[in-house]
Amino acid sequence: MSELTDEEKFIIEKLKENAGKLNYKDLQTLCQEKFEGVRLILKKLKEKTIVDYEGMIPGFSAEIILLREKQFPS
């Protein structure tokens, strides 16, 4: 697997802190001061089968689910 970016690591960490699930809107709020482009980053993480959500790009009501938590140490 390719190396994760700092933004991807941040999203994974936030999901881990919230029992592996977060609403997109809540995740966006957590990320907004650190970086932009949360939807694009989530799309890349979904392609890597690290997270899952309904559809190709998450909407505001989408629930983001962490699939491979154990591979990413805190």
N, C-alpha and C. Protein backbone atom coordinates (compact mmCIF):
# COMPACT_ATOMS: atom_id res chain seq x y z
N MET A 1 0.84 -1.17 0.00
CA MET A 1 0.00 0.00 0.00
C MET A 1 0.89 1.24 0.00
N SER A 2 0.45 2.26 -0.70
CA SER A 2 1.22 3.49 -0.76
C SER A 2 1.17 4.22 0.58
N GLU A 3 2.15 5.07 0.79
CA GLU A 3 2.25 5.84 2.02
C GLU A 3 1.06 6.79 2.14
N LEU A 4 0.56 6.96 3.34
CA LEU A 4 -0.56 7.86 3.58
C LEU A 4 -0.07 9.30 3.75
N THR A 5 -0.88 10.25 3.27
CA THR A 5 -0.56 11.66 3.45
C THR A 5 -0.92 12.06 4.88
N ASP A 6 -0.44 13.23 5.29
CA ASP A 6 -0.77 13.73 6.63
C ASP A 6 -2.28 13.92 6.78
N GLU A 7 -2.93 14.38 5.71
CA GLU A 7 -4.38 14.58 5.73
C GLU A 7 -5.12 13.26 5.90
N GLU A 8 -4.68 12.23 5.18
CA GLU A 8 -5.30 10.91 5.31
C GLU A 8 -5.12 10.36 6.72
N LYS A 9 -3.93 10.52 7.27
CA LYS A 9 -3.66 10.07 8.64
C LYS A 9 -4.55 10.80 9.65
N PHE A 10 -4.74 12.10 9.43
CA PHE A 10 -5.58 12.91 10.32
C PHE A 10 -7.01 12.39 10.30
N ILE A 11 -7.55 12.13 9.11
CA ILE A 11 -8.92 11.62 8.98
C ILE A 11 -9.05 10.26 9.65
N ILE A 12 -8.09 9.37 9.43
CA ILE A 12 -8.11 8.05 10.05
C ILE A 12 -8.09 8.18 11.57
N GLU A 13 -7.27 9.07 12.09
CA GLU A 13 -7.17 9.27 13.54
C GLU A 13 -8.51 9.78 14.11
N LYS A 14 -9.13 10.73 13.42
CA LYS A 14 -10.42 11.26 13.88
C LYS A 14 -11.49 10.17 13.87
N LEU A 15 -11.47 9.31 12.87
CA LEU A 15 -12.42 8.20 12.83
C LEU A 15 -12.17 7.24 13.99
N LYS A 16 -10.89 6.95 14.27
CA LYS A 16 -10.55 6.06 15.39
C LYS A 16 -11.02 6.65 16.71
N GLU A 17 -10.90 7.95 16.88
CA GLU A 17 -11.32 8.63 18.11
C GLU A 17 -12.84 8.58 18.29
N ASN A 18 -13.57 8.32 17.21
CA ASN A 18 -15.03 8.31 17.25
C ASN A 18 -15.60 6.93 16.92
N ALA A 19 -14.96 5.90 17.44
CA ALA A 19 -15.42 4.50 17.29
C ALA A 19 -15.53 4.06 15.84
N GLY A 20 -14.72 4.66 14.96
CA GLY A 20 -14.67 4.22 13.57
C GLY A 20 -15.78 4.75 12.68
N LYS A 21 -16.60 5.66 13.19
CA LYS A 21 -17.71 6.21 12.40
C LYS A 21 -17.86 7.70 12.67
N LEU A 22 -18.10 8.44 11.61
CA LEU A 22 -18.39 9.87 11.74
C LEU A 22 -19.27 10.30 10.58
N ASN A 23 -20.19 11.20 10.87
CA ASN A 23 -20.98 11.82 9.83
C ASN A 23 -20.05 12.74 9.02
N TYR A 24 -20.25 12.82 7.72
CA TYR A 24 -19.37 13.65 6.88
C TYR A 24 -19.31 15.08 7.38
N LYS A 25 -20.46 15.65 7.71
CA LYS A 25 -20.49 17.05 8.16
C LYS A 25 -19.62 17.26 9.40
N ASP A 26 -19.69 16.31 10.35
CA ASP A 26 -18.88 16.40 11.56
C ASP A 26 -17.39 16.27 11.24
N LEU A 27 -17.06 15.34 10.35
CA LEU A 27 -15.67 15.16 9.94
C LEU A 27 -15.15 16.41 9.24
N GLN A 28 -15.96 17.00 8.38
CA GLN A 28 -15.60 18.23 7.68
C GLN A 28 -15.28 19.33 8.69
N THR A 29 -16.10 19.45 9.72
CA THR A 29 -15.89 20.46 10.76
C THR A 29 -14.56 20.24 11.48
N LEU A 30 -14.24 18.98 11.78
CA LEU A 30 -12.97 18.67 12.46
C LEU A 30 -11.76 18.99 11.58
N CYS A 31 -11.91 18.85 10.28
CA CYS A 31 -10.79 19.04 9.35
C CYS A 31 -10.64 20.46 8.83
N GLN A 32 -11.67 21.28 8.92
CA GLN A 32 -11.70 22.56 8.22
C GLN A 32 -10.56 23.52 8.57
N GLU A 33 -10.05 23.46 9.78
CA GLU A 33 -8.96 24.36 10.15
C GLU A 33 -7.59 23.81 9.75
N LYS A 34 -7.52 22.51 9.46
CA LYS A 34 -6.25 21.86 9.11
C LYS A 34 -6.00 21.86 7.60
N PHE A 35 -7.04 21.56 6.82
CA PHE A 35 -6.88 21.44 5.36
C PHE A 35 -8.24 21.46 4.68
N GLU A 36 -8.21 21.61 3.35
CA GLU A 36 -9.41 21.59 2.53
C GLU A 36 -9.41 20.32 1.69
N GLY A 37 -10.52 20.06 1.02
CA GLY A 37 -10.58 18.93 0.11
C GLY A 37 -10.89 17.61 0.79
N VAL A 38 -11.71 17.64 1.83
CA VAL A 38 -12.03 16.42 2.58
C VAL A 38 -12.69 15.38 1.68
N ARG A 39 -13.59 15.81 0.80
CA ARG A 39 -14.27 14.85 -0.07
C ARG A 39 -13.29 14.11 -0.98
N LEU A 40 -12.35 14.83 -1.54
CA LEU A 40 -11.35 14.21 -2.42
C LEU A 40 -10.47 13.23 -1.63
N ILE A 41 -10.07 13.61 -0.44
CA ILE A 41 -9.25 12.73 0.40
C ILE A 41 -10.03 11.47 0.77
N LEU A 42 -11.32 11.64 1.11
CA LEU A 42 -12.15 10.48 1.43
C LEU A 42 -12.30 9.56 0.22
N LYS A 43 -12.42 10.15 -0.95
CA LYS A 43 -12.52 9.35 -2.18
C LYS A 43 -11.26 8.50 -2.35
N LYS A 44 -10.10 9.09 -2.11
CA LYS A 44 -8.84 8.34 -2.21
C LYS A 44 -8.77 7.24 -1.15
N LEU A 45 -9.21 7.53 0.06
CA LEU A 45 -9.21 6.52 1.12
C LEU A 45 -10.18 5.39 0.80
N LYS A 46 -11.30 5.71 0.16
CA LYS A 46 -12.24 4.66 -0.23
C LYS A 46 -11.63 3.78 -1.31
N GLU A 47 -10.92 4.38 -2.26
CA GLU A 47 -10.24 3.61 -3.31
C GLU A 47 -9.20 2.66 -2.72
N LYS A 48 -8.59 3.07 -1.60
CA LYS A 48 -7.60 2.23 -0.91
C LYS A 48 -8.27 1.25 0.05
N THR A 49 -9.60 1.22 0.06
CA THR A 49 -10.42 0.38 0.95
C THR A 49 -10.10 0.59 2.43
N ILE A 50 -9.83 1.82 2.80
CA ILE A 50 -9.56 2.17 4.19
C ILE A 50 -10.84 2.67 4.86
N VAL A 51 -11.67 3.40 4.12
CA VAL A 51 -12.96 3.87 4.62
C VAL A 51 -14.04 3.45 3.64
N ASP A 52 -15.30 3.57 4.10
CA ASP A 52 -16.42 3.31 3.22
C ASP A 52 -17.53 4.30 3.53
N TYR A 53 -18.34 4.59 2.52
CA TYR A 53 -19.52 5.44 2.63
C TYR A 53 -20.36 5.17 1.39
N GLU A 54 -21.60 5.60 1.42
CA GLU A 54 -22.50 5.38 0.31
C GLU A 54 -22.17 6.32 -0.85
N GLY A 55 -22.14 5.78 -2.06
CA GLY A 55 -21.89 6.60 -3.25
C GLY A 55 -20.42 6.75 -3.57
N MET A 56 -20.16 7.51 -4.63
CA MET A 56 -18.78 7.75 -5.07
C MET A 56 -18.12 8.87 -4.28
N ILE A 57 -18.89 9.91 -3.97
CA ILE A 57 -18.40 11.05 -3.20
C ILE A 57 -19.38 11.28 -2.06
N PRO A 58 -18.89 11.45 -0.84
CA PRO A 58 -19.81 11.57 0.31
C PRO A 58 -20.60 12.87 0.30
N GLY A 59 -21.88 12.77 0.63
CA GLY A 59 -22.72 13.95 0.83
C GLY A 59 -22.69 14.36 2.29
N PHE A 60 -23.35 15.47 2.62
CA PHE A 60 -23.33 15.97 4.00
C PHE A 60 -23.93 14.99 4.99
N SER A 61 -24.87 14.16 4.55
CA SER A 61 -25.50 13.22 5.48
C SER A 61 -24.83 11.85 5.49
N ALA A 62 -23.78 11.66 4.70
CA ALA A 62 -23.11 10.36 4.61
C ALA A 62 -22.41 10.00 5.92
N GLU A 63 -22.46 8.72 6.25
CA GLU A 63 -21.71 8.23 7.40
C GLU A 63 -20.41 7.61 6.89
N ILE A 64 -19.29 8.10 7.40
CA ILE A 64 -17.98 7.61 7.00
C ILE A 64 -17.59 6.52 8.00
N ILE A 65 -17.22 5.35 7.47
CA ILE A 65 -16.88 4.20 8.31
C ILE A 65 -15.45 3.77 8.05
N LEU A 66 -14.67 3.64 9.11
CA LEU A 66 -13.29 3.17 9.02
C LEU A 66 -13.30 1.65 8.89
N LEU A 67 -12.68 1.12 7.84
CA LEU A 67 -12.69 -0.33 7.59
C LEU A 67 -11.45 -1.04 8.11
N ARG A 68 -10.30 -0.38 8.07
CA ARG A 68 -9.03 -1.07 8.40
C ARG A 68 -8.29 -0.37 9.52
N GLU A 69 -8.93 -0.19 10.62
CA GLU A 69 -8.35 0.52 11.77
C GLU A 69 -7.08 -0.15 12.30
N LYS A 70 -7.03 -1.46 12.33
CA LYS A 70 -5.93 -2.16 12.98
C LYS A 70 -4.59 -1.97 12.28
N GLN A 71 -4.58 -1.56 11.03
CA GLN A 71 -3.34 -1.38 10.29
C GLN A 71 -2.69 -0.03 10.54
N PHE A 72 -3.37 0.84 11.28
CA PHE A 72 -2.85 2.18 11.46
C PHE A 72 -2.70 2.49 12.94
N PRO A 73 -1.50 2.32 13.47
CA PRO A 73 -1.29 2.55 14.90
C PRO A 73 -1.46 4.02 15.26
N SER A 74 -1.84 4.28 16.49
CA SER A 74 -2.02 5.66 16.96
C SER A 74 -0.72 6.38 17.09
